[in-house]
Amino acid sequence: MYWEIEIVLFVFLITTALISLFVKDLLAAVVTLNAFSFISALMYVVMGAIDVGFTEAVVGAGVSGIFFVVLIFQTSRRSSD
């Protein structure tokens, strides 16, 4: 029904996935993975699964993103020389 919106969201989904794979900074990877999860939630809503989209937005983009950011700030940076 809304295939144009789905194609645009799918392109953004693939783009955020590739960015999160190739970025070197962990915090940037977490941010792009949160964007990936939020775009997934938008795709679920466009497809008509509003409850699944809401759950994906809360759990995927919200709670797990906060956990990842907290865990990144709990680690120390060290180099392997």
PDB file of N, CA and C in Angstrom:
ATOM      1  N   MET A   1       0.817  -1.185   0.000  1.00  0.00           N
ATOM      2  CA  MET A   1       0.000   0.000   0.000  1.00  0.00           C
ATOM      3  C   MET A   1       0.864   1.253   0.000  1.00  0.00           C
ATOM      4  N   TYR A   2       1.816   1.317   0.901  1.00  0.00           N
ATOM      5  CA  TYR A   2       2.737   2.445   0.972  1.00  0.00           C
ATOM      6  C   TYR A   2       4.126   1.978   0.558  1.00  0.00           C
ATOM      7  N   TRP A   3       4.260   1.468  -0.633  1.00  0.00           N
ATOM      8  CA  TRP A   3       5.521   0.858  -1.034  1.00  0.00           C
ATOM      9  C   TRP A   3       6.635   1.887  -1.197  1.00  0.00           C
ATOM     10  N   GLU A   4       6.307   3.136  -1.497  1.00  0.00           N
ATOM     11  CA  GLU A   4       7.355   4.155  -1.616  1.00  0.00           C
ATOM     12  C   GLU A   4       8.010   4.427  -0.263  1.00  0.00           C
ATOM     13  N   ILE A   5       7.194   4.513   0.770  1.00  0.00           N
ATOM     14  CA  ILE A   5       7.725   4.735   2.119  1.00  0.00           C
ATOM     15  C   ILE A   5       8.545   3.535   2.561  1.00  0.00           C
ATOM     16  N   GLU A   6       8.072   2.340   2.240  1.00  0.00           N
ATOM     17  CA  GLU A   6       8.812   1.137   2.619  1.00  0.00           C
ATOM     18  C   GLU A   6      10.165   1.071   1.932  1.00  0.00           C
ATOM     19  N   ILE A   7      10.240   1.474   0.674  1.00  0.00           N
ATOM     20  CA  ILE A   7      11.526   1.449  -0.040  1.00  0.00           C
ATOM     21  C   ILE A   7      12.495   2.457   0.574  1.00  0.00           C
ATOM     22  N   VAL A   8      12.018   3.659   0.887  1.00  0.00           N
ATOM     23  CA  VAL A   8      12.884   4.670   1.503  1.00  0.00           C
ATOM     24  C   VAL A   8      13.375   4.195   2.864  1.00  0.00           C
ATOM     25  N   LEU A   9      12.480   3.633   3.675  1.00  0.00           N
ATOM     26  CA  LEU A   9      12.888   3.121   4.986  1.00  0.00           C
ATOM     27  C   LEU A   9      13.862   1.955   4.846  1.00  0.00           C
ATOM     28  N   PHE A  10      13.657   1.107   3.844  1.00  0.00           N
ATOM     29  CA  PHE A  10      14.563  -0.016   3.632  1.00  0.00           C
ATOM     30  C   PHE A  10      15.952   0.461   3.233  1.00  0.00           C
ATOM     31  N   VAL A  11      16.034   1.507   2.405  1.00  0.00           N
ATOM     32  CA  VAL A  11      17.338   2.065   2.026  1.00  0.00           C
ATOM     33  C   VAL A  11      18.035   2.639   3.256  1.00  0.00           C
ATOM     34  N   PHE A  12      17.283   3.380   4.087  1.00  0.00           N
ATOM     35  CA  PHE A  12      17.870   3.898   5.325  1.00  0.00           C
ATOM     36  C   PHE A  12      18.298   2.764   6.258  1.00  0.00           C
ATOM     37  N   LEU A  13      17.529   1.689   6.282  1.00  0.00           N
ATOM     38  CA  LEU A  13      17.853   0.541   7.130  1.00  0.00           C
ATOM     39  C   LEU A  13      19.174  -0.098   6.698  1.00  0.00           C
ATOM     40  N   ILE A  14      19.346  -0.321   5.421  1.00  0.00           N
ATOM     41  CA  ILE A  14      20.595  -0.892   4.909  1.00  0.00           C
ATOM     42  C   ILE A  14      21.763   0.062   5.143  1.00  0.00           C
ATOM     43  N   THR A  15      21.533   1.356   4.966  1.00  0.00           N
ATOM     44  CA  THR A  15      22.593   2.343   5.178  1.00  0.00           C
ATOM     45  C   THR A  15      23.062   2.366   6.626  1.00  0.00           C
ATOM     46  N   THR A  16      22.128   2.381   7.564  1.00  0.00           N
ATOM     47  CA  THR A  16      22.536   2.388   8.971  1.00  0.00           C
ATOM     48  C   THR A  16      23.220   1.085   9.366  1.00  0.00           C
ATOM     49  N   ALA A  17      22.794  -0.025   8.779  1.00  0.00           N
ATOM     50  CA  ALA A  17      23.458  -1.297   9.077  1.00  0.00           C
ATOM     51  C   ALA A  17      24.898  -1.290   8.590  1.00  0.00           C
ATOM     52  N   LEU A  18      25.122  -0.802   7.381  1.00  0.00           N
ATOM     53  CA  LEU A  18      26.487  -0.763   6.854  1.00  0.00           C
ATOM     54  C   LEU A  18      27.364   0.231   7.614  1.00  0.00           C
ATOM     55  N   ILE A  19      26.801   1.355   7.986  1.00  0.00           N
ATOM     56  CA  ILE A  19      27.581   2.330   8.765  1.00  0.00           C
ATOM     57  C   ILE A  19      27.979   1.733  10.111  1.00  0.00           C
ATOM     58  N   SER A  20      27.048   1.048  10.770  1.00  0.00           N
ATOM     59  CA  SER A  20      27.376   0.475  12.077  1.00  0.00           C
ATOM     60  C   SER A  20      28.385  -0.656  11.970  1.00  0.00           C
ATOM     61  N   LEU A  21      28.461  -1.315  10.836  1.00  0.00           N
ATOM     62  CA  LEU A  21      29.469  -2.353  10.655  1.00  0.00           C
ATOM     63  C   LEU A  21      30.873  -1.794  10.450  1.00  0.00           C
ATOM     64  N   PHE A  22      30.981  -0.681   9.741  1.00  0.00           N
ATOM     65  CA  PHE A  22      32.298  -0.192   9.346  1.00  0.00           C
ATOM     66  C   PHE A  22      32.838   0.955  10.181  1.00  0.00           C
ATOM     67  N   VAL A  23      32.067   1.461  11.123  1.00  0.00           N
ATOM     68  CA  VAL A  23      32.548   2.563  11.948  1.00  0.00           C
ATOM     69  C   VAL A  23      33.482   1.999  13.028  1.00  0.00           C
ATOM     70  N   LYS A  24      34.499   2.755  13.367  1.00  0.00           N
ATOM     71  CA  LYS A  24      35.496   2.289  14.341  1.00  0.00           C
ATOM     72  C   LYS A  24      35.140   2.667  15.769  1.00  0.00           C
ATOM     73  N   ASP A  25      34.423   3.762  15.966  1.00  0.00           N
ATOM     74  CA  ASP A  25      34.076   4.224  17.298  1.00  0.00           C
ATOM     75  C   ASP A  25      32.874   3.441  17.825  1.00  0.00           C
ATOM     76  N   LEU A  26      32.979   2.924  19.045  1.00  0.00           N
ATOM     77  CA  LEU A  26      31.903   2.108  19.610  1.00  0.00           C
ATOM     78  C   LEU A  26      30.643   2.914  19.881  1.00  0.00           C
ATOM     79  N   LEU A  27      30.799   4.145  20.322  1.00  0.00           N
ATOM     80  CA  LEU A  27      29.632   4.971  20.604  1.00  0.00           C
ATOM     81  C   LEU A  27      28.870   5.299  19.318  1.00  0.00           C
ATOM     82  N   ALA A  28      29.584   5.559  18.251  1.00  0.00           N
ATOM     83  CA  ALA A  28      28.935   5.809  16.964  1.00  0.00           C
ATOM     84  C   ALA A  28      28.228   4.552  16.465  1.00  0.00           C
ATOM     85  N   ALA A  29      28.820   3.395  16.721  1.00  0.00           N
ATOM     86  CA  ALA A  29      28.174   2.139  16.330  1.00  0.00           C
ATOM     87  C   ALA A  29      26.877   1.924  17.100  1.00  0.00           C
ATOM     88  N   VAL A  30      26.876   2.258  18.373  1.00  0.00           N
ATOM     89  CA  VAL A  30      25.662   2.121  19.178  1.00  0.00           C
ATOM     90  C   VAL A  30      24.582   3.081  18.696  1.00  0.00           C
ATOM     91  N   VAL A  31      24.972   4.292  18.357  1.00  0.00           N
ATOM     92  CA  VAL A  31      23.992   5.267  17.873  1.00  0.00           C
ATOM     93  C   VAL A  31      23.390   4.803  16.546  1.00  0.00           C
ATOM     94  N   THR A  32      24.205   4.287  15.654  1.00  0.00           N
ATOM     95  CA  THR A  32      23.661   3.825  14.377  1.00  0.00           C
ATOM     96  C   THR A  32      22.833   2.558  14.556  1.00  0.00           C
ATOM     97  N   LEU A  33      23.176   1.715  15.511  1.00  0.00           N
ATOM     98  CA  LEU A  33      22.327   0.550  15.781  1.00  0.00           C
ATOM     99  C   LEU A  33      20.987   0.958  16.378  1.00  0.00           C
ATOM    100  N   ASN A  34      20.980   2.010  17.185  1.00  0.00           N
ATOM    101  CA  ASN A  34      19.712   2.544  17.687  1.00  0.00           C
ATOM    102  C   ASN A  34      18.879   3.123  16.551  1.00  0.00           C
ATOM    103  N   ALA A  35      19.534   3.795  15.625  1.00  0.00           N
ATOM    104  CA  ALA A  35      18.809   4.307  14.452  1.00  0.00           C
ATOM    105  C   ALA A  35      18.261   3.148  13.623  1.00  0.00           C
ATOM    106  N   PHE A  36      19.031   2.079  13.488  1.00  0.00           N
ATOM    107  CA  PHE A  36      18.572   0.875  12.787  1.00  0.00           C
ATOM    108  C   PHE A  36      17.326   0.303  13.449  1.00  0.00           C
ATOM    109  N   SER A  37      17.338   0.231  14.748  1.00  0.00           N
ATOM    110  CA  SER A  37      16.196  -0.309  15.475  1.00  0.00           C
ATOM    111  C   SER A  37      14.972   0.591  15.343  1.00  0.00           C
ATOM    112  N   PHE A  38      15.189   1.900  15.384  1.00  0.00           N
ATOM    113  CA  PHE A  38      14.067   2.828  15.245  1.00  0.00           C
ATOM    114  C   PHE A  38      13.470   2.769  13.842  1.00  0.00           C
ATOM    115  N   ILE A  39      14.318   2.640  12.825  1.00  0.00           N
ATOM    116  CA  ILE A  39      13.815   2.518  11.460  1.00  0.00           C
ATOM    117  C   ILE A  39      13.076   1.195  11.289  1.00  0.00           C
ATOM    118  N   SER A  40      13.559   0.146  11.943  1.00  0.00           N
ATOM    119  CA  SER A  40      12.827  -1.128  11.924  1.00  0.00           C
ATOM    120  C   SER A  40      11.447  -0.958  12.543  1.00  0.00           C
ATOM    121  N   ALA A  41      11.370  -0.218  13.628  1.00  0.00           N
ATOM    122  CA  ALA A  41      10.072   0.034  14.257  1.00  0.00           C
ATOM    123  C   ALA A  41       9.159   0.813  13.323  1.00  0.00           C
ATOM    124  N   LEU A  42       9.702   1.789  12.614  1.00  0.00           N
ATOM    125  CA  LEU A  42       8.896   2.530  11.650  1.00  0.00           C
ATOM    126  C   LEU A  42       8.398   1.630  10.527  1.00  0.00           C
ATOM    127  N   MET A  43       9.242   0.705  10.087  1.00  0.00           N
ATOM    128  CA  MET A  43       8.812  -0.227   9.037  1.00  0.00           C
ATOM    129  C   MET A  43       7.679  -1.125   9.525  1.00  0.00           C
ATOM    130  N   TYR A  44       7.762  -1.577  10.764  1.00  0.00           N
ATOM    131  CA  TYR A  44       6.674  -2.391  11.307  1.00  0.00           C
ATOM    132  C   TYR A  44       5.365  -1.613  11.358  1.00  0.00           C
ATOM    133  N   VAL A  45       5.448  -0.351  11.742  1.00  0.00           N
ATOM    134  CA  VAL A  45       4.239   0.471  11.818  1.00  0.00           C
ATOM    135  C   VAL A  45       3.654   0.703  10.429  1.00  0.00           C
ATOM    136  N   VAL A  46       4.506   0.969   9.442  1.00  0.00           N
ATOM    137  CA  VAL A  46       4.020   1.177   8.084  1.00  0.00           C
ATOM    138  C   VAL A  46       3.363  -0.092   7.540  1.00  0.00           C
ATOM    139  N   MET A  47       3.907  -1.242   7.921  1.00  0.00           N
ATOM    140  CA  MET A  47       3.334  -2.507   7.449  1.00  0.00           C
ATOM    141  C   MET A  47       2.075  -2.911   8.198  1.00  0.00           C
ATOM    142  N   GLY A  48       1.750  -2.201   9.273  1.00  0.00           N
ATOM    143  CA  GLY A  48       0.509  -2.474   9.977  1.00  0.00           C
ATOM    144  C   GLY A  48       0.656  -3.185  11.303  1.00  0.00           C
ATOM    145  N   ALA A  49       1.853  -3.540  11.691  1.00  0.00           N
ATOM    146  CA  ALA A  49       2.074  -4.220  12.972  1.00  0.00           C
ATOM    147  C   ALA A  49       2.469  -3.171  14.015  1.00  0.00           C
ATOM    148  N   ILE A  50       1.482  -2.443  14.485  1.00  0.00           N
ATOM    149  CA  ILE A  50       1.752  -1.313  15.387  1.00  0.00           C
ATOM    150  C   ILE A  50       2.280  -1.792  16.731  1.00  0.00           C
ATOM    151  N   ASP A  51       1.755  -2.890  17.248  1.00  0.00           N
ATOM    152  CA  ASP A  51       2.226  -3.386  18.535  1.00  0.00           C
ATOM    153  C   ASP A  51       3.671  -3.863  18.465  1.00  0.00           C
ATOM    154  N   VAL A  52       4.044  -4.499  17.376  1.00  0.00           N
ATOM    155  CA  VAL A  52       5.434  -4.955  17.202  1.00  0.00           C
ATOM    156  C   VAL A  52       6.357  -3.749  17.033  1.00  0.00           C
ATOM    157  N   GLY A  53       5.912  -2.744  16.297  1.00  0.00           N
ATOM    158  CA  GLY A  53       6.710  -1.536  16.113  1.00  0.00           C
ATOM    159  C   GLY A  53       6.927  -0.797  17.417  1.00  0.00           C
ATOM    160  N   PHE A  54       5.884  -0.714  18.245  1.00  0.00           N
ATOM    161  CA  PHE A  54       6.022  -0.051  19.542  1.00  0.00           C
ATOM    162  C   PHE A  54       7.001  -0.816  20.433  1.00  0.00           C
ATOM    163  N   THR A  55       6.894  -2.140  20.444  1.00  0.00           N
ATOM    164  CA  THR A  55       7.809  -2.952  21.252  1.00  0.00           C
ATOM    165  C   THR A  55       9.241  -2.810  20.764  1.00  0.00           C
ATOM    166  N   GLU A  56       9.442  -2.790  19.458  1.00  0.00           N
ATOM    167  CA  GLU A  56      10.783  -2.613  18.897  1.00  0.00           C
ATOM    168  C   GLU A  56      11.347  -1.248  19.255  1.00  0.00           C
ATOM    169  N   ALA A  57      10.517  -0.233  19.237  1.00  0.00           N
ATOM    170  CA  ALA A  57      10.992   1.113  19.581  1.00  0.00           C
ATOM    171  C   ALA A  57      11.384   1.199  21.046  1.00  0.00           C
ATOM    172  N   VAL A  58      10.588   0.592  21.915  1.00  0.00           N
ATOM    173  CA  VAL A  58      10.874   0.684  23.351  1.00  0.00           C
ATOM    174  C   VAL A  58      12.069  -0.174  23.729  1.00  0.00           C
ATOM    175  N   VAL A  59      12.063  -1.417  23.305  1.00  0.00           N
ATOM    176  CA  VAL A  59      13.124  -2.344  23.713  1.00  0.00           C
ATOM    177  C   VAL A  59      14.371  -2.171  22.869  1.00  0.00           C
ATOM    178  N   GLY A  60      14.209  -2.165  21.553  1.00  0.00           N
ATOM    179  CA  GLY A  60      15.365  -2.123  20.668  1.00  0.00           C
ATOM    180  C   GLY A  60      16.080  -0.798  20.674  1.00  0.00           C
ATOM    181  N   ALA A  61      15.339   0.284  20.475  1.00  0.00           N
ATOM    182  CA  ALA A  61      15.981   1.600  20.399  1.00  0.00           C
ATOM    183  C   ALA A  61      16.140   2.244  21.763  1.00  0.00           C
ATOM    184  N   GLY A  62      15.293   1.898  22.710  1.00  0.00           N
ATOM    185  CA  GLY A  62      15.331   2.557  24.005  1.00  0.00           C
ATOM    186  C   GLY A  62      16.212   1.876  25.023  1.00  0.00           C
ATOM    187  N   VAL A  63      15.754   0.761  25.525  1.00  0.00           N
ATOM    188  CA  VAL A  63      16.410   0.107  26.660  1.00  0.00           C
ATOM    189  C   VAL A  63      17.789  -0.440  26.296  1.00  0.00           C
ATOM    190  N   SER A  64      17.885  -1.165  25.190  1.00  0.00           N
ATOM    191  CA  SER A  64      19.186  -1.742  24.847  1.00  0.00           C
ATOM    192  C   SER A  64      20.193  -0.658  24.469  1.00  0.00           C
ATOM    193  N   GLY A  65      19.738   0.433  23.860  1.00  0.00           N
ATOM    194  CA  GLY A  65      20.653   1.531  23.549  1.00  0.00           C
ATOM    195  C   GLY A  65      21.218   2.171  24.796  1.00  0.00           C
ATOM    196  N   ILE A  66      20.386   2.352  25.794  1.00  0.00           N
ATOM    197  CA  ILE A  66      20.855   2.913  27.064  1.00  0.00           C
ATOM    198  C   ILE A  66      21.852   1.966  27.729  1.00  0.00           C
ATOM    199  N   PHE A  67      21.552   0.663  27.720  1.00  0.00           N
ATOM    200  CA  PHE A  67      22.477  -0.316  28.298  1.00  0.00           C
ATOM    201  C   PHE A  67      23.827  -0.296  27.584  1.00  0.00           C
ATOM    202  N   PHE A  68      23.819  -0.238  26.247  1.00  0.00           N
ATOM    203  CA  PHE A  68      25.075  -0.219  25.496  1.00  0.00           C
ATOM    204  C   PHE A  68      25.897   1.032  25.808  1.00  0.00           C
ATOM    205  N   VAL A  69      25.245   2.180  25.884  1.00  0.00           N
ATOM    206  CA  VAL A  69      25.977   3.419  26.176  1.00  0.00           C
ATOM    207  C   VAL A  69      26.563   3.378  27.582  1.00  0.00           C
ATOM    208  N   VAL A  70      25.792   2.894  28.547  1.00  0.00           N
ATOM    209  CA  VAL A  70      26.308   2.784  29.919  1.00  0.00           C
ATOM    210  C   VAL A  70      27.489   1.825  29.970  1.00  0.00           C
ATOM    211  N   LEU A  71      27.397   0.708  29.275  1.00  0.00           N
ATOM    212  CA  LEU A  71      28.499  -0.255  29.278  1.00  0.00           C
ATOM    213  C   LEU A  71      29.738   0.279  28.581  1.00  0.00           C
ATOM    214  N   ILE A  72      29.560   1.060  27.539  1.00  0.00           N
ATOM    215  CA  ILE A  72      30.724   1.654  26.871  1.00  0.00           C
ATOM    216  C   ILE A  72      31.437   2.617  27.808  1.00  0.00           C
ATOM    217  N   PHE A  73      30.685   3.415  28.562  1.00  0.00           N
ATOM    218  CA  PHE A  73      31.321   4.357  29.483  1.00  0.00           C
ATOM    219  C   PHE A  73      31.893   3.665  30.723  1.00  0.00           C
ATOM    220  N   GLN A  74      31.531   2.426  30.995  1.00  0.00           N
ATOM    221  CA  GLN A  74      32.101   1.680  32.115  1.00  0.00           C
ATOM    222  C   GLN A  74      33.427   1.021  31.756  1.00  0.00           C
ATOM    223  N   THR A  75      33.733   0.903  30.477  1.00  0.00           N
ATOM    224  CA  THR A  75      34.982   0.264  30.065  1.00  0.00           C
ATOM    225  C   THR A  75      36.091   1.298  29.977  1.00  0.00           C
ATOM    226  N   SER A  76      37.311   0.817  29.965  1.00  0.00           N
ATOM    227  CA  SER A  76      38.455   1.712  29.817  1.00  0.00           C
ATOM    228  C   SER A  76      39.065   1.493  28.449  1.00  0.00           C
ATOM    229  N   ARG A  77      39.658   2.549  27.917  1.00  0.00           N
ATOM    230  CA  ARG A  77      40.255   2.476  26.596  1.00  0.00           C
ATOM    231  C   ARG A  77      41.724   2.093  26.738  1.00  0.00           C
ATOM    232  N   ARG A  78      42.129   1.060  26.021  1.00  0.00           N
ATOM    233  CA  ARG A  78      43.537   0.665  26.028  1.00  0.00           C
ATOM    234  C   ARG A  78      43.918   0.215  24.630  1.00  0.00           C
ATOM    235  N   SER A  79      45.158   0.396  24.321  1.00  0.00           N
ATOM    236  CA  SER A  79      45.628   0.037  22.974  1.00  0.00           C
ATOM    237  C   SER A  79      46.419  -1.264  23.060  1.00  0.00           C
ATOM    238  N   SER A  80      46.455  -1.966  21.946  1.00  0.00           N
ATOM    239  CA  SER A  80      47.204  -3.219  21.895  1.00  0.00           C
ATOM    240  C   SER A  80      48.491  -2.985  21.116  1.00  0.00           C
ATOM    241  N   ASP A  81      49.528  -2.559  21.844  1.00  0.00           N
ATOM    242  CA  ASP A  81      50.830  -2.265  21.218  1.00  0.00           C
ATOM    243  C   ASP A  81      51.697  -3.469  21.164  1.00  0.00           C
TER     244      ASP A  81
END
